N, C-alpha and C. Protein backbone atom coordinates (compact mmCIF):
# COMPACT_ATOMS: atom_id res chain seq x y z
N MET A 1 0.84 -1.19 0.00
CA MET A 1 0.00 0.00 0.00
C MET A 1 0.88 1.24 0.00
N THR A 2 0.43 2.22 -0.69
CA THR A 2 1.21 3.45 -0.80
C THR A 2 1.05 4.31 0.44
N ASP A 3 2.02 5.20 0.62
CA ASP A 3 1.94 6.13 1.75
C ASP A 3 0.72 7.03 1.64
N GLN A 4 0.41 7.44 0.40
CA GLN A 4 -0.76 8.29 0.19
C GLN A 4 -2.03 7.57 0.62
N TYR A 5 -2.13 6.29 0.28
CA TYR A 5 -3.31 5.51 0.67
C TYR A 5 -3.40 5.44 2.19
N GLN A 6 -2.29 5.19 2.86
CA GLN A 6 -2.28 5.10 4.32
C GLN A 6 -2.68 6.43 4.96
N ARG A 7 -2.19 7.55 4.39
CA ARG A 7 -2.55 8.86 4.92
C ARG A 7 -4.05 9.10 4.77
N ARG A 8 -4.59 8.79 3.58
CA ARG A 8 -6.03 8.98 3.34
C ARG A 8 -6.85 8.11 4.29
N LYS A 9 -6.41 6.88 4.46
CA LYS A 9 -7.13 5.95 5.35
C LYS A 9 -7.13 6.51 6.78
N SER A 10 -5.99 7.04 7.21
CA SER A 10 -5.89 7.63 8.54
C SER A 10 -6.79 8.86 8.66
N GLN A 11 -6.82 9.70 7.62
CA GLN A 11 -7.67 10.88 7.63
C GLN A 11 -9.13 10.49 7.73
N TRP A 12 -9.54 9.47 6.97
CA TRP A 12 -10.95 9.03 7.00
C TRP A 12 -11.31 8.46 8.36
N ARG A 13 -10.38 7.74 8.97
CA ARG A 13 -10.66 7.20 10.32
C ARG A 13 -10.84 8.33 11.33
N LYS A 14 -9.99 9.35 11.25
CA LYS A 14 -10.13 10.49 12.15
C LYS A 14 -11.46 11.19 11.93
N ARG A 15 -11.80 11.40 10.65
CA ARG A 15 -13.07 12.06 10.34
C ARG A 15 -14.24 11.22 10.82
N ALA A 16 -14.17 9.91 10.61
CA ALA A 16 -15.25 9.02 11.06
C ALA A 16 -15.38 9.07 12.58
N GLY A 17 -14.26 9.13 13.28
CA GLY A 17 -14.31 9.24 14.74
C GLY A 17 -14.95 10.54 15.19
N THR A 18 -14.61 11.62 14.51
CA THR A 18 -15.21 12.92 14.83
C THR A 18 -16.71 12.90 14.58
N ILE A 19 -17.10 12.37 13.43
CA ILE A 19 -18.52 12.30 13.09
C ILE A 19 -19.26 11.42 14.07
N THR A 20 -18.67 10.28 14.43
CA THR A 20 -19.32 9.39 15.39
C THR A 20 -19.54 10.10 16.71
N GLY A 21 -18.53 10.82 17.18
CA GLY A 21 -18.67 11.57 18.42
C GLY A 21 -19.76 12.63 18.32
N MET A 22 -19.80 13.33 17.19
CA MET A 22 -20.85 14.34 16.99
C MET A 22 -22.22 13.69 16.99
N CYS A 23 -22.31 12.55 16.32
CA CYS A 23 -23.61 11.86 16.24
C CYS A 23 -24.08 11.43 17.61
N LEU A 24 -23.17 10.91 18.42
CA LEU A 24 -23.55 10.50 19.77
C LEU A 24 -24.00 11.69 20.60
N LEU A 25 -23.30 12.81 20.49
CA LEU A 25 -23.70 14.01 21.21
C LEU A 25 -25.07 14.48 20.76
N PHE A 26 -25.30 14.53 19.45
CA PHE A 26 -26.59 14.97 18.93
C PHE A 26 -27.70 14.00 19.30
N LEU A 27 -27.38 12.71 19.28
CA LEU A 27 -28.38 11.71 19.68
C LEU A 27 -28.78 11.94 21.13
N PHE A 28 -27.81 12.18 21.98
CA PHE A 28 -28.10 12.45 23.39
C PHE A 28 -28.95 13.70 23.53
N LEU A 29 -28.55 14.77 22.86
CA LEU A 29 -29.30 16.02 22.95
C LEU A 29 -30.70 15.88 22.35
N CYS A 30 -30.79 15.12 21.26
CA CYS A 30 -32.07 14.96 20.59
C CYS A 30 -33.08 14.24 21.46
N THR A 31 -32.64 13.24 22.19
CA THR A 31 -33.58 12.50 23.03
C THR A 31 -34.10 13.37 24.16
N ALA A 32 -33.42 14.47 24.42
CA ALA A 32 -33.87 15.37 25.48
C ALA A 32 -34.92 16.37 24.99
N GLY A 33 -35.10 16.48 23.69
CA GLY A 33 -36.12 17.45 23.24
C GLY A 33 -36.13 17.66 21.75
N CYS A 34 -36.26 16.61 21.00
CA CYS A 34 -36.26 16.70 19.54
C CYS A 34 -37.66 16.99 19.03
N SER A 35 -37.76 17.91 18.11
CA SER A 35 -39.05 18.28 17.55
C SER A 35 -39.37 17.43 16.33
N THR A 36 -40.59 16.92 16.26
CA THR A 36 -41.02 16.16 15.09
C THR A 36 -42.29 16.77 14.52
N LYS A 37 -42.53 18.02 14.78
CA LYS A 37 -43.78 18.66 14.36
C LYS A 37 -43.87 18.82 12.85
N GLU A 38 -45.08 18.78 12.38
CA GLU A 38 -45.33 19.08 10.98
C GLU A 38 -45.45 20.60 10.88
N THR A 39 -44.98 21.15 9.79
CA THR A 39 -45.04 22.60 9.65
C THR A 39 -46.04 22.97 8.57
N HIS A 40 -46.68 24.08 8.77
CA HIS A 40 -47.62 24.62 7.80
C HIS A 40 -47.18 26.02 7.47
N GLN A 41 -46.93 26.27 6.20
CA GLN A 41 -46.44 27.58 5.80
C GLN A 41 -47.55 28.53 5.40
N ASN A 42 -48.75 28.04 5.09
CA ASN A 42 -49.85 28.90 4.66
C ASN A 42 -49.44 29.86 3.55
N GLY A 43 -48.74 29.31 2.57
CA GLY A 43 -48.34 30.13 1.43
C GLY A 43 -47.06 30.90 1.65
N GLU A 44 -46.55 30.97 2.86
CA GLU A 44 -45.31 31.69 3.12
C GLU A 44 -44.13 30.78 2.82
N GLN A 45 -43.09 31.35 2.23
CA GLN A 45 -41.88 30.57 2.00
C GLN A 45 -40.97 30.71 3.20
N ILE A 46 -40.44 29.58 3.65
CA ILE A 46 -39.53 29.56 4.78
C ILE A 46 -38.11 29.72 4.24
N ALA A 47 -37.26 30.42 4.98
CA ALA A 47 -35.92 30.76 4.51
C ALA A 47 -35.14 29.55 4.01
N TRP A 48 -35.19 28.42 4.72
CA TRP A 48 -34.40 27.28 4.28
C TRP A 48 -34.89 26.74 2.94
N GLN A 49 -36.15 26.98 2.61
CA GLN A 49 -36.67 26.50 1.33
C GLN A 49 -36.21 27.38 0.15
N THR A 50 -35.82 28.61 0.43
CA THR A 50 -35.39 29.51 -0.64
C THR A 50 -33.88 29.70 -0.70
N THR A 51 -33.15 29.06 0.20
CA THR A 51 -31.69 29.16 0.18
C THR A 51 -31.15 28.54 -1.10
N LEU A 52 -30.28 29.26 -1.78
CA LEU A 52 -29.67 28.74 -3.00
C LEU A 52 -28.61 27.70 -2.66
N LEU A 53 -28.70 26.56 -3.33
CA LEU A 53 -27.75 25.47 -3.17
C LEU A 53 -27.11 25.21 -4.53
N THR A 54 -25.98 24.53 -4.53
CA THR A 54 -25.30 24.18 -5.77
C THR A 54 -25.11 22.67 -5.83
N ASP A 55 -25.70 22.04 -6.85
CA ASP A 55 -25.53 20.61 -7.04
C ASP A 55 -24.07 20.36 -7.42
N VAL A 56 -23.38 19.49 -6.65
CA VAL A 56 -21.95 19.28 -6.88
C VAL A 56 -21.66 18.51 -8.15
N ARG A 57 -22.65 17.82 -8.69
CA ARG A 57 -22.42 17.06 -9.93
C ARG A 57 -22.46 17.96 -11.16
N THR A 58 -23.39 18.91 -11.17
CA THR A 58 -23.61 19.71 -12.38
C THR A 58 -23.23 21.17 -12.23
N GLY A 59 -23.10 21.64 -10.99
CA GLY A 59 -22.84 23.06 -10.76
C GLY A 59 -24.10 23.91 -10.85
N THR A 60 -25.25 23.26 -11.06
CA THR A 60 -26.52 23.97 -11.19
C THR A 60 -26.98 24.48 -9.82
N GLN A 61 -27.42 25.74 -9.79
CA GLN A 61 -27.98 26.28 -8.55
C GLN A 61 -29.47 26.00 -8.51
N PHE A 62 -29.97 25.71 -7.31
CA PHE A 62 -31.38 25.41 -7.13
C PHE A 62 -31.77 25.73 -5.69
N SER A 63 -33.06 25.76 -5.45
CA SER A 63 -33.58 25.88 -4.10
C SER A 63 -34.70 24.86 -3.93
N ILE A 64 -35.00 24.53 -2.71
CA ILE A 64 -36.09 23.59 -2.41
C ILE A 64 -37.41 24.15 -2.94
N ALA A 65 -37.62 25.45 -2.76
CA ALA A 65 -38.88 26.09 -3.18
C ALA A 65 -39.11 25.96 -4.69
N GLU A 66 -38.03 25.91 -5.48
CA GLU A 66 -38.16 25.80 -6.93
C GLU A 66 -38.63 24.43 -7.38
N MET A 67 -38.60 23.45 -6.49
CA MET A 67 -38.94 22.08 -6.86
C MET A 67 -40.38 21.73 -6.49
N ASN A 68 -41.25 22.73 -6.41
CA ASN A 68 -42.63 22.45 -6.05
C ASN A 68 -43.32 21.68 -7.17
N GLY A 69 -44.41 21.04 -6.84
CA GLY A 69 -45.15 20.28 -7.83
C GLY A 69 -44.96 18.78 -7.71
N THR A 70 -43.96 18.35 -6.99
CA THR A 70 -43.72 16.93 -6.77
C THR A 70 -43.19 16.74 -5.35
N PRO A 71 -43.49 15.62 -4.71
CA PRO A 71 -42.94 15.40 -3.37
C PRO A 71 -41.41 15.40 -3.39
N LEU A 72 -40.85 15.85 -2.29
CA LEU A 72 -39.40 16.01 -2.19
C LEU A 72 -38.93 15.38 -0.89
N LEU A 73 -37.85 14.62 -0.97
CA LEU A 73 -37.19 14.09 0.22
C LEU A 73 -35.88 14.84 0.39
N ILE A 74 -35.63 15.31 1.61
CA ILE A 74 -34.36 15.95 1.93
C ILE A 74 -33.67 15.05 2.95
N GLN A 75 -32.43 14.69 2.64
CA GLN A 75 -31.67 13.86 3.56
C GLN A 75 -30.42 14.60 4.02
N PRO A 76 -30.43 15.09 5.27
CA PRO A 76 -29.18 15.60 5.85
C PRO A 76 -28.27 14.38 6.11
N PHE A 77 -27.02 14.45 5.69
CA PHE A 77 -26.14 13.29 5.83
C PHE A 77 -24.69 13.72 5.87
N THR A 78 -23.81 12.75 6.11
CA THR A 78 -22.37 12.95 5.97
C THR A 78 -21.85 11.83 5.08
N ILE A 79 -20.77 12.09 4.39
CA ILE A 79 -20.26 11.10 3.44
C ILE A 79 -19.58 9.92 4.12
N THR A 80 -19.36 9.99 5.42
CA THR A 80 -18.73 8.88 6.14
C THR A 80 -19.74 8.04 6.92
N CYS A 81 -21.01 8.28 6.72
CA CYS A 81 -22.06 7.62 7.49
C CYS A 81 -22.61 6.40 6.74
N PRO A 82 -22.37 5.18 7.25
CA PRO A 82 -22.86 3.98 6.56
C PRO A 82 -24.39 3.91 6.51
N ILE A 83 -25.07 4.37 7.53
CA ILE A 83 -26.54 4.36 7.54
C ILE A 83 -27.06 5.30 6.44
N CYS A 84 -26.39 6.43 6.28
CA CYS A 84 -26.77 7.37 5.21
C CYS A 84 -26.66 6.71 3.85
N MET A 85 -25.59 5.94 3.65
CA MET A 85 -25.40 5.26 2.38
C MET A 85 -26.52 4.24 2.14
N GLN A 86 -26.90 3.52 3.18
CA GLN A 86 -27.99 2.55 3.05
C GLN A 86 -29.29 3.26 2.69
N GLN A 87 -29.53 4.41 3.33
CA GLN A 87 -30.76 5.15 3.03
C GLN A 87 -30.73 5.68 1.61
N GLN A 88 -29.59 6.19 1.16
CA GLN A 88 -29.48 6.70 -0.21
C GLN A 88 -29.65 5.57 -1.23
N ALA A 89 -29.18 4.38 -0.90
CA ALA A 89 -29.36 3.24 -1.80
C ALA A 89 -30.85 2.88 -1.90
N ALA A 90 -31.57 2.92 -0.79
CA ALA A 90 -33.01 2.62 -0.80
C ALA A 90 -33.77 3.67 -1.62
N ILE A 91 -33.39 4.92 -1.48
CA ILE A 91 -34.02 6.00 -2.26
C ILE A 91 -33.74 5.78 -3.75
N SER A 92 -32.52 5.42 -4.08
CA SER A 92 -32.16 5.19 -5.48
C SER A 92 -32.91 3.99 -6.07
N ARG A 93 -33.11 2.94 -5.25
CA ARG A 93 -33.88 1.78 -5.73
C ARG A 93 -35.32 2.19 -6.03
N LEU A 94 -35.91 3.00 -5.15
CA LEU A 94 -37.28 3.47 -5.38
C LEU A 94 -37.34 4.29 -6.66
N TYR A 95 -36.40 5.17 -6.86
CA TYR A 95 -36.37 6.00 -8.06
C TYR A 95 -36.26 5.13 -9.31
N ALA A 96 -35.44 4.09 -9.26
CA ALA A 96 -35.24 3.20 -10.41
C ALA A 96 -36.52 2.46 -10.79
N GLN A 97 -37.42 2.27 -9.85
CA GLN A 97 -38.68 1.58 -10.14
C GLN A 97 -39.61 2.43 -11.01
N GLU A 98 -39.38 3.73 -11.02
CA GLU A 98 -40.16 4.68 -11.84
C GLU A 98 -41.66 4.58 -11.61
N GLU A 99 -42.08 4.26 -10.39
CA GLU A 99 -43.51 4.14 -10.10
C GLU A 99 -44.11 5.41 -9.51
N ILE A 100 -43.29 6.20 -8.86
CA ILE A 100 -43.80 7.40 -8.20
C ILE A 100 -42.81 8.55 -8.43
N PRO A 101 -43.29 9.69 -8.90
CA PRO A 101 -42.37 10.81 -9.12
C PRO A 101 -42.01 11.49 -7.79
N PHE A 102 -40.75 11.76 -7.62
CA PHE A 102 -40.26 12.50 -6.46
C PHE A 102 -38.87 13.01 -6.75
N VAL A 103 -38.43 13.95 -5.94
CA VAL A 103 -37.08 14.50 -6.04
C VAL A 103 -36.39 14.25 -4.71
N MET A 104 -35.10 13.98 -4.77
CA MET A 104 -34.31 13.78 -3.56
C MET A 104 -33.18 14.79 -3.54
N VAL A 105 -33.00 15.43 -2.38
CA VAL A 105 -31.89 16.36 -2.17
C VAL A 105 -31.09 15.87 -0.99
N GLY A 106 -29.84 15.55 -1.24
CA GLY A 106 -28.92 15.17 -0.17
C GLY A 106 -28.13 16.40 0.26
N LEU A 107 -28.20 16.71 1.56
CA LEU A 107 -27.48 17.86 2.11
C LEU A 107 -26.35 17.38 3.00
N ASP A 108 -25.13 17.60 2.57
CA ASP A 108 -23.96 17.23 3.37
C ASP A 108 -23.83 18.25 4.50
N ILE A 109 -24.06 17.79 5.73
CA ILE A 109 -24.06 18.69 6.89
C ILE A 109 -22.75 18.64 7.68
N ASP A 110 -21.76 17.91 7.19
CA ASP A 110 -20.48 17.81 7.89
C ASP A 110 -19.79 19.16 7.89
N PRO A 111 -19.57 19.76 9.07
CA PRO A 111 -18.93 21.09 9.11
C PRO A 111 -17.50 21.06 8.59
N ASN A 112 -16.87 19.89 8.56
CA ASN A 112 -15.51 19.77 8.05
C ASN A 112 -15.47 19.29 6.60
N GLY A 113 -16.61 19.08 6.00
CA GLY A 113 -16.68 18.59 4.62
C GLY A 113 -16.35 19.68 3.63
N ASN A 114 -16.27 19.26 2.37
CA ASN A 114 -16.02 20.23 1.29
C ASN A 114 -16.65 19.72 0.00
N GLU A 115 -16.78 20.61 -0.96
CA GLU A 115 -17.44 20.27 -2.22
C GLU A 115 -16.69 19.20 -3.00
N ASN A 116 -15.36 19.23 -2.96
CA ASN A 116 -14.59 18.23 -3.71
C ASN A 116 -14.85 16.82 -3.19
N SER A 117 -14.84 16.66 -1.87
CA SER A 117 -15.11 15.34 -1.29
C SER A 117 -16.53 14.88 -1.61
N LEU A 118 -17.48 15.80 -1.53
CA LEU A 118 -18.87 15.46 -1.84
C LEU A 118 -19.00 15.08 -3.32
N HIS A 119 -18.33 15.81 -4.18
CA HIS A 119 -18.36 15.49 -5.61
C HIS A 119 -17.82 14.08 -5.85
N ASP A 120 -16.68 13.76 -5.24
CA ASP A 120 -16.09 12.42 -5.39
C ASP A 120 -17.04 11.35 -4.86
N TYR A 121 -17.67 11.62 -3.74
CA TYR A 121 -18.63 10.69 -3.14
C TYR A 121 -19.79 10.41 -4.10
N THR A 122 -20.35 11.46 -4.68
CA THR A 122 -21.49 11.27 -5.59
C THR A 122 -21.05 10.56 -6.87
N ARG A 123 -19.85 10.82 -7.31
CA ARG A 123 -19.33 10.14 -8.51
C ARG A 123 -19.14 8.64 -8.22
N ASP A 124 -18.59 8.34 -7.05
CA ASP A 124 -18.29 6.95 -6.71
C ASP A 124 -19.55 6.13 -6.43
N HIS A 125 -20.58 6.74 -5.86
CA HIS A 125 -21.77 5.98 -5.45
C HIS A 125 -22.94 6.08 -6.43
N GLU A 126 -23.01 7.13 -7.21
CA GLU A 126 -24.05 7.30 -8.22
C GLU A 126 -25.48 7.17 -7.66
N TYR A 127 -25.72 7.69 -6.47
CA TYR A 127 -27.07 7.69 -5.91
C TYR A 127 -27.92 8.71 -6.64
N TYR A 128 -29.24 8.49 -6.61
CA TYR A 128 -30.17 9.42 -7.24
C TYR A 128 -30.28 10.71 -6.42
N GLY A 129 -30.43 11.81 -7.10
CA GLY A 129 -30.75 13.06 -6.43
C GLY A 129 -29.78 14.18 -6.73
N PHE A 130 -30.11 15.31 -6.13
CA PHE A 130 -29.24 16.48 -6.14
C PHE A 130 -28.44 16.42 -4.85
N TYR A 131 -27.16 16.75 -4.91
CA TYR A 131 -26.31 16.73 -3.72
C TYR A 131 -25.60 18.05 -3.58
N ALA A 132 -25.72 18.63 -2.39
CA ALA A 132 -25.13 19.94 -2.13
C ALA A 132 -24.60 20.00 -0.70
N ARG A 133 -23.65 20.90 -0.50
CA ARG A 133 -23.20 21.20 0.86
C ARG A 133 -24.27 22.08 1.49
N SER A 134 -24.58 21.82 2.73
CA SER A 134 -25.57 22.63 3.44
C SER A 134 -24.85 23.82 4.08
N PRO A 135 -25.18 25.03 3.63
CA PRO A 135 -24.57 26.21 4.28
C PRO A 135 -24.97 26.25 5.76
N PRO A 136 -24.11 26.79 6.63
CA PRO A 136 -24.43 26.82 8.06
C PRO A 136 -25.79 27.43 8.38
N GLU A 137 -26.18 28.48 7.65
CA GLU A 137 -27.47 29.12 7.95
C GLU A 137 -28.63 28.19 7.59
N LEU A 138 -28.47 27.37 6.57
CA LEU A 138 -29.51 26.41 6.21
C LEU A 138 -29.60 25.31 7.27
N THR A 139 -28.45 24.79 7.67
CA THR A 139 -28.43 23.75 8.71
C THR A 139 -29.06 24.28 9.99
N THR A 140 -28.73 25.49 10.37
CA THR A 140 -29.31 26.10 11.57
C THR A 140 -30.82 26.25 11.44
N ALA A 141 -31.28 26.68 10.28
CA ALA A 141 -32.73 26.83 10.07
C ALA A 141 -33.44 25.49 10.14
N LEU A 142 -32.82 24.44 9.62
CA LEU A 142 -33.43 23.10 9.71
C LEU A 142 -33.50 22.64 11.16
N VAL A 143 -32.45 22.89 11.93
CA VAL A 143 -32.47 22.54 13.35
C VAL A 143 -33.55 23.33 14.08
N ASP A 144 -33.66 24.62 13.77
CA ASP A 144 -34.68 25.45 14.41
C ASP A 144 -36.08 24.91 14.14
N GLN A 145 -36.31 24.41 12.93
CA GLN A 145 -37.64 23.95 12.57
C GLN A 145 -37.92 22.50 12.98
N PHE A 146 -36.91 21.63 12.83
CA PHE A 146 -37.16 20.20 13.02
C PHE A 146 -36.47 19.59 14.23
N GLY A 147 -35.58 20.32 14.87
CA GLY A 147 -34.90 19.79 16.04
C GLY A 147 -33.53 19.23 15.70
N LEU A 148 -32.83 18.81 16.72
CA LEU A 148 -31.44 18.36 16.57
C LEU A 148 -31.30 17.04 15.83
N ARG A 149 -32.38 16.29 15.67
CA ARG A 149 -32.29 15.02 14.96
C ARG A 149 -31.81 15.22 13.52
N VAL A 150 -32.03 16.41 12.98
CA VAL A 150 -31.53 16.74 11.64
C VAL A 150 -30.01 16.54 11.58
N LEU A 151 -29.33 16.75 12.70
CA LEU A 151 -27.87 16.65 12.74
C LEU A 151 -27.37 15.27 13.15
N SER A 152 -28.25 14.29 13.18
CA SER A 152 -27.87 12.94 13.60
C SER A 152 -28.00 11.96 12.44
N PRO A 153 -26.99 11.91 11.57
CA PRO A 153 -27.07 11.01 10.43
C PRO A 153 -27.34 9.56 10.82
N ALA A 154 -26.90 9.15 11.99
CA ALA A 154 -27.12 7.77 12.44
C ALA A 154 -28.60 7.44 12.60
N GLN A 155 -29.46 8.45 12.72
CA GLN A 155 -30.90 8.24 12.82
C GLN A 155 -31.59 8.28 11.45
N ALA A 156 -30.81 8.38 10.39
CA ALA A 156 -31.33 8.45 9.02
C ALA A 156 -32.43 9.50 8.88
N PRO A 157 -32.12 10.77 9.20
CA PRO A 157 -33.16 11.80 9.11
C PRO A 157 -33.60 12.05 7.67
N LEU A 158 -34.90 12.14 7.50
CA LEU A 158 -35.48 12.50 6.20
C LEU A 158 -36.59 13.50 6.43
N ILE A 159 -36.61 14.52 5.60
CA ILE A 159 -37.67 15.53 5.65
C ILE A 159 -38.49 15.37 4.38
N LEU A 160 -39.80 15.28 4.55
CA LEU A 160 -40.71 15.22 3.41
C LEU A 160 -41.26 16.62 3.18
N VAL A 161 -41.09 17.13 1.97
CA VAL A 161 -41.66 18.41 1.58
C VAL A 161 -42.72 18.10 0.51
N CYS A 162 -43.95 18.46 0.82
CA CYS A 162 -45.06 18.19 -0.10
C CYS A 162 -45.14 19.28 -1.17
N PRO A 163 -45.84 19.01 -2.26
CA PRO A 163 -45.95 20.00 -3.34
C PRO A 163 -46.48 21.36 -2.89
N ASP A 164 -47.28 21.38 -1.80
CA ASP A 164 -47.82 22.65 -1.32
C ASP A 164 -46.85 23.38 -0.38
N GLY A 165 -45.66 22.82 -0.17
CA GLY A 165 -44.66 23.46 0.68
C GLY A 165 -44.66 22.99 2.12
N LYS A 166 -45.68 22.23 2.54
CA LYS A 166 -45.69 21.70 3.91
C LYS A 166 -44.54 20.71 4.06
N ALA A 167 -43.89 20.78 5.21
CA ALA A 167 -42.73 19.92 5.44
C ALA A 167 -42.82 19.29 6.82
N ARG A 168 -42.36 18.05 6.91
CA ARG A 168 -42.33 17.38 8.20
C ARG A 168 -41.18 16.38 8.22
N MET A 169 -40.67 16.18 9.41
CA MET A 169 -39.60 15.21 9.61
C MET A 169 -40.23 13.83 9.74
N LEU A 170 -39.69 12.86 9.01
CA LEU A 170 -40.18 11.48 9.12
C LEU A 170 -39.63 10.85 10.40
N ASP A 171 -40.26 9.79 10.84
CA ASP A 171 -39.80 9.09 12.03
C ASP A 171 -38.36 8.64 11.85
N PRO A 172 -37.60 8.54 12.95
CA PRO A 172 -36.20 8.14 12.84
C PRO A 172 -36.07 6.70 12.38
N GLY A 173 -34.92 6.39 11.82
CA GLY A 173 -34.61 5.03 11.40
C GLY A 173 -34.57 4.87 9.90
N LEU A 174 -33.86 3.84 9.49
CA LEU A 174 -33.71 3.51 8.08
C LEU A 174 -35.06 3.13 7.48
N LYS A 175 -35.35 3.68 6.30
CA LYS A 175 -36.61 3.39 5.63
C LYS A 175 -36.34 2.60 4.35
N SER A 176 -37.09 1.53 4.14
CA SER A 176 -36.95 0.73 2.92
C SER A 176 -37.58 1.47 1.75
N SER A 177 -37.34 0.95 0.55
CA SER A 177 -37.97 1.52 -0.65
C SER A 177 -39.49 1.48 -0.52
N GLU A 178 -40.00 0.39 0.05
CA GLU A 178 -41.45 0.25 0.23
C GLU A 178 -41.98 1.29 1.22
N ASP A 179 -41.24 1.49 2.32
CA ASP A 179 -41.64 2.51 3.31
C ASP A 179 -41.69 3.88 2.65
N LEU A 180 -40.67 4.18 1.87
CA LEU A 180 -40.59 5.49 1.21
C LEU A 180 -41.69 5.66 0.18
N GLN A 181 -42.02 4.61 -0.53
CA GLN A 181 -43.11 4.69 -1.51
C GLN A 181 -44.42 5.02 -0.80
N ARG A 182 -44.65 4.38 0.34
CA ARG A 182 -45.87 4.64 1.12
C ARG A 182 -45.89 6.09 1.60
N VAL A 183 -44.77 6.57 2.11
CA VAL A 183 -44.68 7.95 2.59
C VAL A 183 -44.93 8.94 1.45
N LEU A 184 -44.33 8.70 0.31
CA LEU A 184 -44.49 9.62 -0.82
C LEU A 184 -45.89 9.58 -1.40
N THR A 185 -46.54 8.43 -1.31
CA THR A 185 -47.90 8.28 -1.84
C THR A 185 -48.93 8.87 -0.89
N GLU A 186 -48.76 8.60 0.42
CA GLU A 186 -49.78 8.98 1.40
C GLU A 186 -49.41 10.18 2.24
N GLY A 187 -48.13 10.51 2.32
CA GLY A 187 -47.67 11.54 3.24
C GLY A 187 -48.08 12.96 2.93
N CYS A 188 -48.49 13.23 1.70
CA CYS A 188 -48.86 14.59 1.32
C CYS A 188 -50.37 14.74 1.10
N GLN A 189 -51.12 13.69 1.38
CA GLN A 189 -52.56 13.80 1.23
C GLN A 189 -53.15 14.56 2.39
N ALA A 190 -54.14 15.38 2.11
CA ALA A 190 -54.74 16.22 3.16
C ALA A 190 -55.55 15.40 4.14
């Protein structure tokens, strides 16, 4: 093995240790008072929905608010999180079935992450969706609205945004393609 490979492996282990520690802290804090409320905007746009993001694959700028008309899943994640990868694989399997239209946005919330690493991650894994770094103000706004569970990738956080702009945090835990299909089919009905 090359020295460069060993250095990268060591860097990834350090990053994984940091992320694991952060996840445990957030998990502890979340159990003390995590919000799971559904939000109603009544036609008002919420700041996190209008924040401009840049898809790392294409360089295209977009916002959550621009994607109205179809259900949207937002996954806050880190590129070193195995549970996140499992969730992204389930989302990609559902998309491949072409049975239900939806959009997926992966938000890299790792404060030590960068666009180059996220770009490499999306290239290597080829999961469905738009992938962007979450600016600190967006991450803060998501925490303000949905609670600290947004920052706990180990809980596989997913936010469902309905075509009318209503958004809610889904229950914690890994969701199968079938679970997600049910959520996307029934979750936005009045």
